[in-house]
Amino acid sequence: MEATGRHSVANDLALVAVFGALITAFSIVPAIPIGIGVPITLQTLAVVLAGLVLGPWRGALATALYIVVGLAGLPVFAGGIAGPAIFGRPSIGYLLAFPLGAILAGLIARRVANWRGAKQYAGFFVAGIAGSLVIHASGIAGLILGVAHLNPTAAFLTDVAFWPADLLKMFVAAAIAVAVHRAFPAVLTARRPVTA
């Protein structure tokens, strides 16, 4: 019965790779610059969606894959940045929190995935907001401690510029998650290899 375990691992790897590619694709979509070196992108949509659809651990692995690919030198970060140069950007705090955002969104998604209708949508929306808040908190810390060296008030006010777009992204992420879970209800189910 080991084949079932291998099949699960193969499925997990495929899903992680697909969502890593999705995050990359969403980061290539032209960003909206807002003048502080941290543009508005679709990355948070893809990161939170990874958690909502894949669950906490596979979602985190998908975001980690994206980060590793970028650090390895492929220009997948917003603005075509690649390699360790990302550590010198004001957006580093946001980027480093992607796995944590996916984990939190995924943990909540697991609890609400079996809900139905508007309740399920609301649950996924709350999960997305929670994941996004983790990313924003780390982003603010990065703006304070990183190259931007903003004071806490300035960093918070800078981050507020992202909230309307992220709110819209979480509405979209919740709608996509509802559709995916309707089509593939077992996608969040923890699979364990069957032993004989």
C-alpha atoms as a PDB file:
ATOM      1  CA  MET A   1       0.000   0.000   0.000  1.00  0.00           C
ATOM      2  CA  GLU A   2       3.052   2.208  -0.229  1.00  0.00           C
ATOM      3  CA  ALA A   3       1.945   3.427  -3.656  1.00  0.00           C
ATOM      4  CA  THR A   4      -0.837   5.418  -2.004  1.00  0.00           C
ATOM      5  CA  GLY A   5       1.748   7.237   0.100  1.00  0.00           C
ATOM      6  CA  ARG A   6       3.871   7.966  -2.945  1.00  0.00           C
ATOM      7  CA  HIS A   7       0.811   9.114  -4.855  1.00  0.00           C
ATOM      8  CA  SER A   8      -0.033  11.538  -2.048  1.00  0.00           C
ATOM      9  CA  VAL A   9       3.506  12.884  -1.986  1.00  0.00           C
ATOM     10  CA  ALA A  10       3.453  13.266  -5.769  1.00  0.00           C
ATOM     11  CA  ASN A  11       0.127  15.110  -5.583  1.00  0.00           C
ATOM     12  CA  ASP A  12       1.408  17.337  -2.801  1.00  0.00           C
ATOM     13  CA  LEU A  13       4.572  18.180  -4.739  1.00  0.00           C
ATOM     14  CA  ALA A  14       2.558  18.945  -7.862  1.00  0.00           C
ATOM     15  CA  LEU A  15       0.179  21.234  -5.954  1.00  0.00           C
ATOM     16  CA  VAL A  16       3.071  23.028  -4.241  1.00  0.00           C
ATOM     17  CA  ALA A  17       4.800  23.531  -7.603  1.00  0.00           C
ATOM     18  CA  VAL A  18       1.608  24.802  -9.259  1.00  0.00           C
ATOM     19  CA  PHE A  19       0.967  27.315  -6.502  1.00  0.00           C
ATOM     20  CA  GLY A  20       4.626  28.359  -6.450  1.00  0.00           C
ATOM     21  CA  ALA A  21       4.241  29.073 -10.165  1.00  0.00           C
ATOM     22  CA  LEU A  22       0.951  30.896  -9.522  1.00  0.00           C
ATOM     23  CA  ILE A  23       2.628  33.190  -6.985  1.00  0.00           C
ATOM     24  CA  THR A  24       5.382  33.826  -9.529  1.00  0.00           C
ATOM     25  CA  ALA A  25       2.859  34.595 -12.269  1.00  0.00           C
ATOM     26  CA  PHE A  26       0.969  36.973  -9.989  1.00  0.00           C
ATOM     27  CA  SER A  27       4.200  38.778  -9.114  1.00  0.00           C
ATOM     28  CA  ILE A  28       4.997  39.286 -12.792  1.00  0.00           C
ATOM     29  CA  VAL A  29       1.704  41.111 -13.372  1.00  0.00           C
ATOM     30  CA  PRO A  30       2.714  44.778 -13.531  1.00  0.00           C
ATOM     31  CA  ALA A  31       2.745  46.331 -10.075  1.00  0.00           C
ATOM     32  CA  ILE A  32       1.245  49.662  -9.115  1.00  0.00           C
ATOM     33  CA  PRO A  33       4.018  51.843  -7.671  1.00  0.00           C
ATOM     34  CA  ILE A  34       3.023  53.995  -4.712  1.00  0.00           C
ATOM     35  CA  GLY A  35       6.312  55.815  -4.203  1.00  0.00           C
ATOM     36  CA  ILE A  36       7.883  54.007  -1.240  1.00  0.00           C
ATOM     37  CA  GLY A  37       9.614  51.121  -2.984  1.00  0.00           C
ATOM     38  CA  VAL A  38       6.849  48.655  -2.079  1.00  0.00           C
ATOM     39  CA  PRO A  39       4.409  48.404  -5.001  1.00  0.00           C
ATOM     40  CA  ILE A  40       0.866  47.068  -4.907  1.00  0.00           C
ATOM     41  CA  THR A  41       0.992  43.588  -6.463  1.00  0.00           C
ATOM     42  CA  LEU A  42      -1.173  40.496  -6.730  1.00  0.00           C
ATOM     43  CA  GLN A  43       1.300  38.451  -4.677  1.00  0.00           C
ATOM     44  CA  THR A  44      -0.727  38.550  -1.462  1.00  0.00           C
ATOM     45  CA  LEU A  45      -3.738  37.225  -3.366  1.00  0.00           C
ATOM     46  CA  ALA A  46      -1.737  34.213  -4.555  1.00  0.00           C
ATOM     47  CA  VAL A  47      -0.051  33.671  -1.173  1.00  0.00           C
ATOM     48  CA  VAL A  48      -3.326  33.675   0.755  1.00  0.00           C
ATOM     49  CA  LEU A  49      -4.981  31.568  -1.937  1.00  0.00           C
ATOM     50  CA  ALA A  50      -2.219  28.975  -1.501  1.00  0.00           C
ATOM     51  CA  GLY A  51      -3.129  28.692   2.175  1.00  0.00           C
ATOM     52  CA  LEU A  52      -6.881  28.682   1.536  1.00  0.00           C
ATOM     53  CA  VAL A  53      -6.687  25.959  -1.105  1.00  0.00           C
ATOM     54  CA  LEU A  54      -3.697  23.833  -0.086  1.00  0.00           C
ATOM     55  CA  GLY A  55      -3.856  24.220   3.674  1.00  0.00           C
ATOM     56  CA  PRO A  56      -1.187  25.538   6.002  1.00  0.00           C
ATOM     57  CA  TRP A  57       1.814  23.367   5.248  1.00  0.00           C
ATOM     58  CA  ARG A  58       1.545  22.893   1.494  1.00  0.00           C
ATOM     59  CA  GLY A  59       0.608  26.585   1.191  1.00  0.00           C
ATOM     60  CA  ALA A  60       3.704  27.549   3.170  1.00  0.00           C
ATOM     61  CA  LEU A  61       5.846  25.250   1.023  1.00  0.00           C
ATOM     62  CA  ALA A  62       4.494  26.883  -2.150  1.00  0.00           C
ATOM     63  CA  THR A  63       5.440  30.328  -0.841  1.00  0.00           C
ATOM     64  CA  ALA A  64       8.823  29.057   0.334  1.00  0.00           C
ATOM     65  CA  LEU A  65       9.429  27.584  -3.127  1.00  0.00           C
ATOM     66  CA  TYR A  66       8.683  30.980  -4.661  1.00  0.00           C
ATOM     67  CA  ILE A  67      11.104  32.695  -2.267  1.00  0.00           C
ATOM     68  CA  VAL A  68      13.867  30.116  -2.828  1.00  0.00           C
ATOM     69  CA  VAL A  69      13.520  30.397  -6.611  1.00  0.00           C
ATOM     70  CA  GLY A  70      13.826  34.179  -6.343  1.00  0.00           C
ATOM     71  CA  LEU A  71      16.801  34.010  -3.992  1.00  0.00           C
ATOM     72  CA  ALA A  72      18.456  31.547  -6.378  1.00  0.00           C
ATOM     73  CA  GLY A  73      18.523  34.292  -8.993  1.00  0.00           C
ATOM     74  CA  LEU A  74      15.375  34.016 -11.070  1.00  0.00           C
ATOM     75  CA  PRO A  75      13.734  37.459 -11.382  1.00  0.00           C
ATOM     76  CA  VAL A  76      10.413  36.447  -9.846  1.00  0.00           C
ATOM     77  CA  PHE A  77      10.077  39.099  -7.160  1.00  0.00           C
ATOM     78  CA  ALA A  78       7.984  42.208  -7.808  1.00  0.00           C
ATOM     79  CA  GLY A  79       9.722  44.551 -10.210  1.00  0.00           C
ATOM     80  CA  GLY A  80      11.906  41.759 -11.613  1.00  0.00           C
ATOM     81  CA  ILE A  81      14.200  41.728  -8.576  1.00  0.00           C
ATOM     82  CA  ALA A  82      16.205  38.545  -8.065  1.00  0.00           C
ATOM     83  CA  GLY A  83      18.728  37.077  -5.692  1.00  0.00           C
ATOM     84  CA  PRO A  84      19.917  38.496  -2.392  1.00  0.00           C
ATOM     85  CA  ALA A  85      19.281  42.044  -3.672  1.00  0.00           C
ATOM     86  CA  ILE A  86      15.758  41.619  -2.298  1.00  0.00           C
ATOM     87  CA  PHE A  87      17.164  41.997   1.225  1.00  0.00           C
ATOM     88  CA  GLY A  88      18.006  45.603   0.362  1.00  0.00           C
ATOM     89  CA  ARG A  89      14.438  46.441  -0.634  1.00  0.00           C
ATOM     90  CA  PRO A  90      11.740  47.988   1.574  1.00  0.00           C
ATOM     91  CA  SER A  91       9.439  45.064   0.704  1.00  0.00           C
ATOM     92  CA  ILE A  92      11.582  42.415   2.438  1.00  0.00           C
ATOM     93  CA  GLY A  93       9.382  42.294   5.539  1.00  0.00           C
ATOM     94  CA  TYR A  94       6.324  41.503   3.445  1.00  0.00           C
ATOM     95  CA  LEU A  95       8.120  38.818   1.447  1.00  0.00           C
ATOM     96  CA  LEU A  96       9.545  37.002   4.458  1.00  0.00           C
ATOM     97  CA  ALA A  97       6.068  36.695   5.997  1.00  0.00           C
ATOM     98  CA  PHE A  98       4.523  34.978   2.974  1.00  0.00           C
ATOM     99  CA  PRO A  99       4.901  31.463   4.459  1.00  0.00           C
ATOM    100  CA  LEU A 100       3.431  32.602   7.794  1.00  0.00           C
ATOM    101  CA  GLY A 101       0.504  34.268   6.037  1.00  0.00           C
ATOM    102  CA  ALA A 102      -0.192  31.074   4.098  1.00  0.00           C
ATOM    103  CA  ILE A 103       0.031  29.001   7.295  1.00  0.00           C
ATOM    104  CA  LEU A 104      -2.464  31.137   9.195  1.00  0.00           C
ATOM    105  CA  ALA A 105      -4.876  31.345   6.251  1.00  0.00           C
ATOM    106  CA  GLY A 106      -4.568  27.577   5.785  1.00  0.00           C
ATOM    107  CA  LEU A 107      -5.172  26.754   9.445  1.00  0.00           C
ATOM    108  CA  ILE A 108      -8.380  28.764   9.457  1.00  0.00           C
ATOM    109  CA  ALA A 109      -9.396  27.405   6.036  1.00  0.00           C
ATOM    110  CA  ARG A 110      -9.205  23.856   7.374  1.00  0.00           C
ATOM    111  CA  ARG A 111     -11.762  24.756  10.037  1.00  0.00           C
ATOM    112  CA  VAL A 112     -14.207  26.388   7.616  1.00  0.00           C
ATOM    113  CA  ALA A 113     -13.783  24.263   4.473  1.00  0.00           C
ATOM    114  CA  ASN A 114     -16.787  22.071   5.337  1.00  0.00           C
ATOM    115  CA  TRP A 115     -19.082  25.024   5.924  1.00  0.00           C
ATOM    116  CA  ARG A 116     -21.487  25.826   3.100  1.00  0.00           C
ATOM    117  CA  GLY A 117     -22.771  28.876   1.259  1.00  0.00           C
ATOM    118  CA  ALA A 118     -22.230  32.380   2.601  1.00  0.00           C
ATOM    119  CA  LYS A 119     -20.831  31.022   5.859  1.00  0.00           C
ATOM    120  CA  GLN A 120     -18.028  29.234   3.997  1.00  0.00           C
ATOM    121  CA  TYR A 121     -17.289  32.334   1.923  1.00  0.00           C
ATOM    122  CA  ALA A 122     -17.162  34.468   5.080  1.00  0.00           C
ATOM    123  CA  GLY A 123     -14.861  31.929   6.740  1.00  0.00           C
ATOM    124  CA  PHE A 124     -12.441  31.954   3.817  1.00  0.00           C
ATOM    125  CA  PHE A 125     -12.573  35.752   3.742  1.00  0.00           C
ATOM    126  CA  VAL A 126     -11.678  35.933   7.446  1.00  0.00           C
ATOM    127  CA  ALA A 127      -8.886  33.388   6.871  1.00  0.00           C
ATOM    128  CA  GLY A 128      -7.543  35.540   4.041  1.00  0.00           C
ATOM    129  CA  ILE A 129      -7.673  38.682   6.156  1.00  0.00           C
ATOM    130  CA  ALA A 130      -5.847  36.892   8.988  1.00  0.00           C
ATOM    131  CA  GLY A 131      -3.097  35.734   6.626  1.00  0.00           C
ATOM    132  CA  SER A 132      -2.862  39.193   5.120  1.00  0.00           C
ATOM    133  CA  LEU A 133      -2.574  40.796   8.571  1.00  0.00           C
ATOM    134  CA  VAL A 134       0.469  38.638   9.347  1.00  0.00           C
ATOM    135  CA  ILE A 135       2.069  39.796   6.100  1.00  0.00           C
ATOM    136  CA  HIS A 136       1.245  43.436   6.852  1.00  0.00           C
ATOM    137  CA  ALA A 137       2.626  43.238  10.397  1.00  0.00           C
ATOM    138  CA  SER A 138       5.904  41.847   9.097  1.00  0.00           C
ATOM    139  CA  GLY A 139       5.920  44.428   6.310  1.00  0.00           C
ATOM    140  CA  ILE A 140       5.573  47.240   8.834  1.00  0.00           C
ATOM    141  CA  ALA A 141       8.437  45.756  10.861  1.00  0.00           C
ATOM    142  CA  GLY A 142      10.505  45.591   7.677  1.00  0.00           C
ATOM    143  CA  LEU A 143       9.777  49.236   6.906  1.00  0.00           C
ATOM    144  CA  ILE A 144      10.942  50.181  10.407  1.00  0.00           C
ATOM    145  CA  LEU A 145      13.983  47.908  10.703  1.00  0.00           C
ATOM    146  CA  GLY A 146      14.993  47.594   7.051  1.00  0.00           C
ATOM    147  CA  VAL A 147      16.415  50.003   4.516  1.00  0.00           C
ATOM    148  CA  ALA A 148      13.447  52.377   4.688  1.00  0.00           C
ATOM    149  CA  HIS A 149      14.140  53.135   8.395  1.00  0.00           C
ATOM    150  CA  LEU A 150      10.679  54.612   8.897  1.00  0.00           C
ATOM    151  CA  ASN A 151       9.425  55.466  12.356  1.00  0.00           C
ATOM    152  CA  PRO A 152       6.543  53.244  13.541  1.00  0.00           C
ATOM    153  CA  THR A 153       3.843  55.798  12.743  1.00  0.00           C
ATOM    154  CA  ALA A 154       5.188  56.442   9.245  1.00  0.00           C
ATOM    155  CA  ALA A 155       5.549  52.703   8.610  1.00  0.00           C
ATOM    156  CA  PHE A 156       1.968  52.059   9.726  1.00  0.00           C
ATOM    157  CA  LEU A 157       0.606  54.911   7.610  1.00  0.00           C
ATOM    158  CA  THR A 158       2.620  53.678   4.638  1.00  0.00           C
ATOM    159  CA  ASP A 159       1.169  50.205   5.064  1.00  0.00           C
ATOM    160  CA  VAL A 160      -2.387  51.573   5.210  1.00  0.00           C
ATOM    161  CA  ALA A 161      -2.041  52.421   1.507  1.00  0.00           C
ATOM    162  CA  PHE A 162      -2.192  48.674   0.761  1.00  0.00           C
ATOM    163  CA  TRP A 163      -5.335  47.896   2.745  1.00  0.00           C
ATOM    164  CA  PRO A 164      -8.044  48.769   0.188  1.00  0.00           C
ATOM    165  CA  ALA A 165      -6.387  46.671  -2.531  1.00  0.00           C
ATOM    166  CA  ASP A 166      -5.746  43.796  -0.135  1.00  0.00           C
ATOM    167  CA  LEU A 167      -9.339  43.865   1.061  1.00  0.00           C
ATOM    168  CA  LEU A 168     -10.469  43.483  -2.545  1.00  0.00           C
ATOM    169  CA  LYS A 169      -7.929  40.684  -3.069  1.00  0.00           C
ATOM    170  CA  MET A 170      -9.298  38.799  -0.057  1.00  0.00           C
ATOM    171  CA  PHE A 171     -12.842  38.979  -1.477  1.00  0.00           C
ATOM    172  CA  VAL A 172     -11.477  37.457  -4.699  1.00  0.00           C
ATOM    173  CA  ALA A 173      -9.391  34.837  -2.855  1.00  0.00           C
ATOM    174  CA  ALA A 174     -12.416  33.737  -0.818  1.00  0.00           C
ATOM    175  CA  ALA A 175     -14.541  33.392  -3.964  1.00  0.00           C
ATOM    176  CA  ILE A 176     -11.863  31.320  -5.703  1.00  0.00           C
ATOM    177  CA  ALA A 177     -11.382  29.149  -2.602  1.00  0.00           C
ATOM    178  CA  VAL A 178     -15.123  28.448  -2.403  1.00  0.00           C
ATOM    179  CA  ALA A 179     -15.146  27.394  -6.065  1.00  0.00           C
ATOM    180  CA  VAL A 180     -12.057  25.191  -5.696  1.00  0.00           C
ATOM    181  CA  HIS A 181     -13.373  23.474  -2.571  1.00  0.00           C
ATOM    182  CA  ARG A 182     -16.722  22.894  -4.250  1.00  0.00           C
ATOM    183  CA  ALA A 183     -14.973  21.243  -7.216  1.00  0.00           C
ATOM    184  CA  PHE A 184     -12.325  19.416  -5.131  1.00  0.00           C
ATOM    185  CA  PRO A 185     -13.763  18.922  -1.645  1.00  0.00           C
ATOM    186  CA  ALA A 186     -10.886  16.740  -0.444  1.00  0.00           C
ATOM    187  CA  VAL A 187      -8.064  19.134  -1.353  1.00  0.00           C
ATOM    188  CA  LEU A 188      -7.524  20.117   2.309  1.00  0.00           C
ATOM    189  CA  THR A 189      -7.959  16.599   3.655  1.00  0.00           C
ATOM    190  CA  ALA A 190      -4.853  15.392   5.386  1.00  0.00           C
ATOM    191  CA  ARG A 191      -3.693  12.266   3.624  1.00  0.00           C
ATOM    192  CA  ARG A 192      -1.775   9.625   5.499  1.00  0.00           C
ATOM    193  CA  PRO A 193      -0.095   6.683   3.824  1.00  0.00           C
ATOM    194  CA  VAL A 194      -1.958   3.453   4.455  1.00  0.00           C
ATOM    195  CA  THR A 195       0.231   0.841   6.095  1.00  0.00           C
ATOM    196  CA  ALA A 196      -0.360  -2.861   5.776  1.00  0.00           C
END
